[in-house]
Amino acid sequence: ELWHARTAMLLVFSAIISEGCSLAANSASVRMVGQNIAGELSLHGPGFSLLTISMYGVKVMTAMHLWCHNGGLVHTDVLAWGGPRPVYFARFLQWSIAVPVMHMQISRLFLCDQRTSVTLLRCAPSMIAASSFVWSSWVMEITLSPACRWLLMFLSLSGSVLILIDQCKLAYDHRKEELFCMKMSLVVFQIVVFTWYGIVFELGRFGAVSCLHEHAFYAYTDATL
């Protein structure tokens, strides 16, 4: 059932190579342009790429862990419709890191003229909320209480909606900036991706998709983000 973790790992390796080439090209550009522009590229180009490469590293380790250790720490969703389903702790651990970082990366596009400390302070509440809704989803899957399950399902879905609203609010506040349409397209992409994750996740809880198809979707989508 976890064969997809191996193939997804290969996709992540290719993404790391691509991002590394982008980082090298950016570093070369920094040395070729003027001092002011170079400072700006050095602050926002390589930093963005290094953060992305770090996240790909986390994804590779997650895929290797799932593949080599037969899922690693696995709980069971006994309340899922259609029968018990496996719950892989490593996947939620990865999401609890990757989702907040993805949110910060897109927010950083609109805050590129701000210091890193200002960007972190602006993004911190949403990043904490993003990590919290991921862990709420995990607890929701392993709880034995139907009431707690429905409550956590509502909280996790609400959390995901709130951070997307915050992202849209940030984009709206910077709607008059240059390259707004390009930046907004990434916000729209994030909304579409989060929506699909939510749909597949909920379909899995109600037994509408098989465990294999659900986790294959997670593996390949994680690898391409």
Protein backbone atom coordinates (compact mmCIF):
# COMPACT_ATOMS: atom_id res chain seq x y z
CA GLU A 1 0.00 0.00 0.00
CA LEU A 2 3.00 2.31 0.50
CA TRP A 3 4.67 1.77 -2.89
CA HIS A 4 3.71 5.33 -3.78
CA ALA A 5 6.08 6.66 -1.10
CA ARG A 6 9.05 5.33 -3.10
CA THR A 7 8.01 6.90 -6.40
CA ALA A 8 7.04 10.16 -4.70
CA MET A 9 10.52 10.29 -3.17
CA LEU A 10 12.03 10.24 -6.66
CA LEU A 11 9.84 13.18 -7.66
CA VAL A 12 11.03 15.15 -4.63
CA PHE A 13 14.67 14.45 -5.53
CA SER A 14 14.08 15.90 -9.00
CA ALA A 15 12.44 18.97 -7.41
CA ILE A 16 15.47 19.44 -5.13
CA ILE A 17 17.79 19.41 -8.16
CA SER A 18 15.59 21.93 -9.96
CA GLU A 19 15.48 24.24 -6.94
CA GLY A 20 19.24 23.90 -6.50
CA CYS A 21 19.75 25.06 -10.09
CA SER A 22 17.47 28.02 -9.40
CA LEU A 23 19.51 28.88 -6.32
CA ALA A 24 22.76 28.72 -8.31
CA ALA A 25 21.31 30.97 -11.02
CA ASN A 26 20.11 33.46 -8.44
CA SER A 27 23.50 33.53 -6.72
CA ALA A 28 25.15 34.22 -10.07
CA SER A 29 22.72 37.08 -10.70
CA VAL A 30 23.58 38.62 -7.33
CA ARG A 31 27.23 38.88 -8.35
CA MET A 32 26.39 40.42 -11.74
CA VAL A 33 23.95 43.20 -10.79
CA GLY A 34 24.30 46.43 -8.85
CA GLN A 35 24.77 46.58 -5.09
CA ASN A 36 21.21 47.65 -4.19
CA ILE A 37 19.52 45.04 -6.36
CA ALA A 38 22.05 42.44 -5.26
CA GLY A 39 21.12 43.01 -1.63
CA GLU A 40 17.47 42.53 -2.45
CA LEU A 41 18.10 39.34 -4.41
CA SER A 42 20.38 38.00 -1.72
CA LEU A 43 17.72 38.55 0.93
CA HIS A 44 14.69 37.19 -0.91
CA GLY A 45 15.97 34.86 -3.64
CA PRO A 46 18.39 32.39 -2.02
CA GLY A 47 16.48 32.50 1.26
CA PHE A 48 13.31 31.41 -0.50
CA SER A 49 15.14 28.65 -2.39
CA LEU A 50 16.97 27.36 0.68
CA LEU A 51 13.71 27.20 2.61
CA THR A 52 12.11 25.30 -0.26
CA ILE A 53 15.02 22.86 -0.46
CA SER A 54 14.78 22.31 3.30
CA MET A 55 11.10 21.48 2.96
CA TYR A 56 11.85 19.05 0.14
CA GLY A 57 14.38 17.44 2.48
CA VAL A 58 11.66 16.94 5.09
CA LYS A 59 9.43 15.37 2.43
CA VAL A 60 12.20 13.02 1.29
CA MET A 61 12.80 11.86 4.87
CA THR A 62 9.07 11.34 5.35
CA ALA A 63 8.79 9.26 2.18
CA MET A 64 11.85 7.20 3.11
CA HIS A 65 10.48 6.63 6.61
CA LEU A 66 7.09 5.49 5.28
CA TRP A 67 8.68 3.23 2.70
CA CYS A 68 11.53 1.70 4.74
CA HIS A 69 9.61 1.27 7.99
CA ASN A 70 6.29 0.12 6.54
CA GLY A 71 4.54 3.32 7.56
CA GLY A 72 6.38 3.87 10.83
CA LEU A 73 4.11 4.82 13.72
CA VAL A 74 0.62 3.89 12.54
CA HIS A 75 -2.67 4.41 14.36
CA THR A 76 -6.09 3.25 13.25
CA ASP A 77 -9.12 5.36 12.41
CA VAL A 78 -11.74 3.03 13.85
CA LEU A 79 -14.62 5.45 13.34
CA ALA A 80 -14.14 5.86 9.59
CA TRP A 81 -17.10 4.81 7.50
CA GLY A 82 -16.46 1.66 5.53
CA GLY A 83 -14.09 0.16 8.10
CA PRO A 84 -10.83 1.02 9.92
CA ARG A 85 -8.20 3.02 8.04
CA PRO A 86 -4.47 3.50 8.78
CA VAL A 87 -3.31 6.87 10.10
CA TYR A 88 0.38 7.56 9.43
CA PHE A 89 1.90 9.82 12.08
CA ALA A 90 4.87 10.74 9.85
CA ARG A 91 2.58 12.28 7.23
CA PHE A 92 0.92 14.55 9.75
CA LEU A 93 4.30 15.50 11.20
CA GLN A 94 5.42 16.52 7.71
CA TRP A 95 2.23 18.51 7.12
CA SER A 96 2.56 20.30 10.47
CA ILE A 97 5.87 21.71 9.18
CA ALA A 98 5.20 22.02 5.46
CA VAL A 99 1.80 23.75 5.58
CA PRO A 100 2.94 26.68 7.80
CA VAL A 101 6.12 27.09 5.74
CA MET A 102 4.14 27.11 2.48
CA HIS A 103 1.85 29.76 3.97
CA MET A 104 4.86 31.89 4.96
CA GLN A 105 6.51 31.51 1.56
CA ILE A 106 3.46 32.84 -0.27
CA SER A 107 2.91 35.61 2.30
CA ARG A 108 6.55 36.60 1.88
CA LEU A 109 5.86 37.48 -1.76
CA PHE A 110 3.66 40.35 -0.57
CA LEU A 111 6.05 41.33 2.23
CA CYS A 112 9.27 41.32 0.22
CA ASP A 113 10.00 44.93 1.21
CA GLN A 114 9.81 44.07 4.90
CA ARG A 115 12.52 42.75 7.21
CA THR A 116 12.51 39.04 7.94
CA SER A 117 11.50 39.68 11.56
CA VAL A 118 8.47 41.70 10.42
CA THR A 119 7.46 38.96 7.99
CA LEU A 120 7.71 36.31 10.71
CA LEU A 121 5.62 38.37 13.14
CA ARG A 122 2.96 38.92 10.47
CA CYS A 123 2.84 35.24 9.54
CA ALA A 124 3.28 33.70 13.01
CA PRO A 125 -0.43 33.56 14.01
CA SER A 126 -1.45 31.92 10.74
CA MET A 127 1.49 29.52 10.86
CA ILE A 128 0.53 28.44 14.37
CA ALA A 129 -3.08 28.04 13.26
CA ALA A 130 -1.96 25.97 10.25
CA SER A 131 0.08 23.60 12.40
CA SER A 132 -2.76 23.38 14.92
CA PHE A 133 -5.39 22.40 12.36
CA VAL A 134 -3.08 19.66 11.06
CA TRP A 135 -2.72 18.15 14.52
CA SER A 136 -6.45 18.59 15.12
CA SER A 137 -7.01 16.45 12.03
CA TRP A 138 -4.65 13.80 13.38
CA VAL A 139 -6.37 13.66 16.78
CA MET A 140 -9.73 13.63 14.98
CA GLU A 141 -8.70 10.48 13.13
CA ILE A 142 -7.45 8.52 16.13
CA THR A 143 -10.02 9.53 18.74
CA LEU A 144 -12.54 6.95 19.93
CA SER A 145 -15.18 9.57 20.75
CA PRO A 146 -17.66 10.37 17.95
CA ALA A 147 -18.49 13.74 19.56
CA CYS A 148 -14.82 14.69 19.79
CA ARG A 149 -14.35 13.54 16.20
CA TRP A 150 -17.04 15.85 14.81
CA LEU A 151 -15.81 18.78 16.92
CA LEU A 152 -12.20 18.36 15.75
CA MET A 153 -13.34 17.93 12.17
CA PHE A 154 -15.12 21.28 12.38
CA LEU A 155 -12.10 22.95 14.04
CA SER A 156 -9.62 21.61 11.49
CA LEU A 157 -11.75 22.70 8.54
CA SER A 158 -12.35 26.10 10.14
CA GLY A 159 -8.61 26.53 10.72
CA SER A 160 -7.78 25.82 7.10
CA VAL A 161 -10.42 28.30 5.92
CA LEU A 162 -9.18 31.00 8.29
CA ILE A 163 -5.58 30.88 7.10
CA LEU A 164 -6.76 31.09 3.49
CA ILE A 165 -8.87 34.13 4.39
CA ASP A 166 -5.82 35.69 6.02
CA GLN A 167 -3.81 35.02 2.86
CA CYS A 168 -6.48 36.67 0.71
CA LYS A 169 -6.62 39.66 3.09
CA LEU A 170 -2.85 40.10 2.81
CA ALA A 171 -3.08 39.92 -0.98
CA TYR A 172 -5.92 42.47 -1.04
CA ASP A 173 -3.91 44.90 1.08
CA HIS A 174 -1.11 44.77 -1.55
CA ARG A 175 -3.31 44.74 -4.64
CA LYS A 176 -1.71 47.88 -6.09
CA GLU A 177 1.83 46.52 -6.07
CA GLU A 178 3.78 45.40 -9.09
CA LEU A 179 3.37 41.78 -10.20
CA PHE A 180 0.20 41.51 -8.12
CA CYS A 181 -1.50 39.21 -10.64
CA MET A 182 1.41 36.79 -10.61
CA LYS A 183 1.51 36.74 -6.81
CA MET A 184 -2.25 36.38 -6.59
CA SER A 185 -2.10 33.38 -8.89
CA LEU A 186 -0.03 31.59 -6.24
CA VAL A 187 -2.65 32.43 -3.61
CA VAL A 188 -5.33 30.97 -5.89
CA PHE A 189 -3.12 27.90 -6.40
CA GLN A 190 -2.83 27.50 -2.63
CA ILE A 191 -6.61 27.76 -2.23
CA VAL A 192 -7.18 25.11 -4.92
CA VAL A 193 -4.60 22.74 -3.39
CA PHE A 194 -5.95 23.12 0.15
CA THR A 195 -9.47 22.57 -1.13
CA TRP A 196 -8.50 19.34 -2.88
CA TYR A 197 -6.65 18.11 0.19
CA GLY A 198 -9.72 18.82 2.29
CA ILE A 199 -12.05 17.07 -0.16
CA VAL A 200 -9.88 13.93 -0.40
CA PHE A 201 -9.35 13.88 3.37
CA GLU A 202 -13.08 14.06 4.09
CA LEU A 203 -13.91 11.52 1.37
CA GLY A 204 -11.49 9.16 3.08
CA ARG A 205 -13.20 9.61 6.44
CA PHE A 206 -16.55 8.70 4.88
CA GLY A 207 -15.15 5.74 2.96
CA ALA A 208 -15.73 7.29 -0.47
CA VAL A 209 -12.14 6.65 -1.61
CA SER A 210 -9.86 3.70 -0.88
CA CYS A 211 -6.88 3.97 1.47
CA LEU A 212 -4.54 3.37 -1.46
CA HIS A 213 -5.94 6.16 -3.60
CA GLU A 214 -6.14 8.56 -0.66
CA HIS A 215 -2.51 8.15 0.38
CA ALA A 216 -1.27 8.03 -3.21
CA PHE A 217 -2.90 11.44 -3.70
CA TYR A 218 -1.18 12.77 -0.58
CA ALA A 219 2.22 11.37 -1.61
CA TYR A 220 2.26 12.70 -5.16
CA THR A 221 0.70 16.06 -4.30
CA ASP A 222 3.16 16.58 -1.42
CA ALA A 223 6.01 15.78 -3.79
CA THR A 224 4.98 18.37 -6.37
CA LEU A 225 4.35 21.32 -4.02
